[in-house]
Amino acid sequence: MTKYRIWQPKNVRTHGFLDWESYQRLVSPTVDPHAYDTVYEGTLPTEDPTTALETLFVQFNLYHPSDFHGYSLSMGDIVWLDDTAYYCDT
């Protein structure tokens, strides 16, 4: 089982983000966790990170859970799988 969390920016203008920028174009090489909200948490039956990321991409772009109140998974969002963060990029 893989635990996951999806983080989405609180306010892209307030925290210095350029709307949905690639990781390479961020002003800072690190991401400020205070600039994000956790918009969803759950578990997946797989332990393979690649499979988990692909599953989450499809789920949070095409088949949103009924209790999900964020927007579709987009560039600039962060997906946590267990203890590893993945920045959604191009």
Protein backbone atom coordinates (compact mmCIF):
# COMPACT_ATOMS: atom_id res chain seq x y z
CA MET A 1 0.00 0.00 0.00
CA THR A 2 1.16 3.50 -0.81
CA LYS A 3 -0.06 6.53 1.12
CA TYR A 4 -0.41 9.69 -0.93
CA ARG A 5 -1.19 13.37 -0.45
CA ILE A 6 -1.91 15.98 -3.07
CA TRP A 7 -0.77 19.54 -2.44
CA GLN A 8 -2.02 22.47 -4.49
CA PRO A 9 -0.84 26.09 -4.21
CA LYS A 10 -2.86 28.25 -1.80
CA ASN A 11 -2.53 31.41 -3.86
CA VAL A 12 -0.16 31.46 -6.81
CA ARG A 13 0.17 35.25 -6.84
CA THR A 14 0.78 35.70 -3.09
CA HIS A 15 3.54 33.12 -2.84
CA GLY A 16 5.54 34.21 -5.87
CA PHE A 17 4.56 31.42 -8.20
CA LEU A 18 4.04 32.19 -11.83
CA ASP A 19 0.84 30.36 -12.70
CA TRP A 20 1.68 26.73 -13.26
CA GLU A 21 5.39 27.13 -13.94
CA SER A 22 7.73 24.27 -14.64
CA TYR A 23 10.06 23.27 -11.83
CA GLN A 24 13.00 24.57 -13.84
CA ARG A 25 11.51 28.08 -13.99
CA LEU A 26 10.73 28.44 -10.30
CA VAL A 27 12.56 31.32 -8.64
CA SER A 28 13.79 29.09 -5.84
CA PRO A 29 15.06 25.51 -6.24
CA THR A 30 12.98 24.51 -3.20
CA VAL A 31 9.24 24.64 -2.70
CA ASP A 32 7.79 26.44 0.32
CA PRO A 33 5.39 23.99 2.02
CA HIS A 34 3.51 26.93 3.59
CA ALA A 35 2.44 27.98 0.10
CA TYR A 36 0.42 24.76 -0.35
CA ASP A 37 -2.73 23.17 1.01
CA THR A 38 -3.21 19.43 1.30
CA VAL A 39 -6.31 18.96 -0.85
CA TYR A 40 -6.57 15.18 -0.71
CA GLU A 41 -5.10 12.13 1.04
CA GLY A 42 -5.54 8.44 0.47
CA THR A 43 -3.92 5.09 -0.19
CA LEU A 44 -3.27 3.06 -3.31
CA PRO A 45 -2.81 -0.72 -3.54
CA THR A 46 0.50 -0.41 -5.44
CA GLU A 47 3.99 0.20 -4.09
CA ASP A 48 5.49 1.12 -7.48
CA PRO A 49 5.89 4.93 -7.66
CA THR A 50 5.49 5.09 -11.44
CA THR A 51 2.24 3.14 -11.37
CA ALA A 52 0.97 5.21 -8.43
CA LEU A 53 1.74 8.52 -10.15
CA GLU A 54 0.04 7.42 -13.38
CA THR A 55 -3.01 6.20 -11.43
CA LEU A 56 -3.27 9.50 -9.55
CA PHE A 57 -2.87 11.54 -12.72
CA VAL A 58 -5.81 9.74 -14.34
CA GLN A 59 -7.94 9.79 -11.18
CA PHE A 60 -7.43 13.49 -10.44
CA ASN A 61 -7.88 14.61 -14.04
CA LEU A 62 -10.71 12.38 -15.29
CA TYR A 63 -12.43 10.72 -12.32
CA HIS A 64 -12.33 13.07 -9.32
CA PRO A 65 -13.46 11.47 -6.06
CA SER A 66 -16.74 12.98 -4.85
CA ASP A 67 -15.06 14.44 -1.76
CA PHE A 68 -12.22 16.10 -3.72
CA HIS A 69 -12.52 19.89 -3.78
CA GLY A 70 -9.34 20.87 -5.62
CA TYR A 71 -8.81 21.38 -9.34
CA SER A 72 -7.47 18.80 -11.80
CA LEU A 73 -3.90 17.77 -11.13
CA SER A 74 -1.78 20.41 -12.85
CA MET A 75 1.74 21.69 -13.27
CA GLY A 76 2.89 23.22 -9.99
CA ASP A 77 1.04 20.72 -7.79
CA ILE A 78 2.92 18.30 -5.56
CA VAL A 79 2.13 14.61 -5.06
CA TRP A 80 3.55 12.89 -1.99
CA LEU A 81 3.98 9.13 -2.13
CA ASP A 82 4.86 7.88 1.33
CA ASP A 83 7.84 10.15 2.15
CA THR A 84 8.81 11.32 -1.35
CA ALA A 85 7.50 14.46 -3.05
CA TYR A 86 6.95 14.71 -6.80
CA TYR A 87 6.50 18.10 -8.46
CA CYS A 88 3.99 18.02 -11.31
CA ASP A 89 5.85 19.33 -14.33
CA THR A 90 5.53 19.43 -18.10
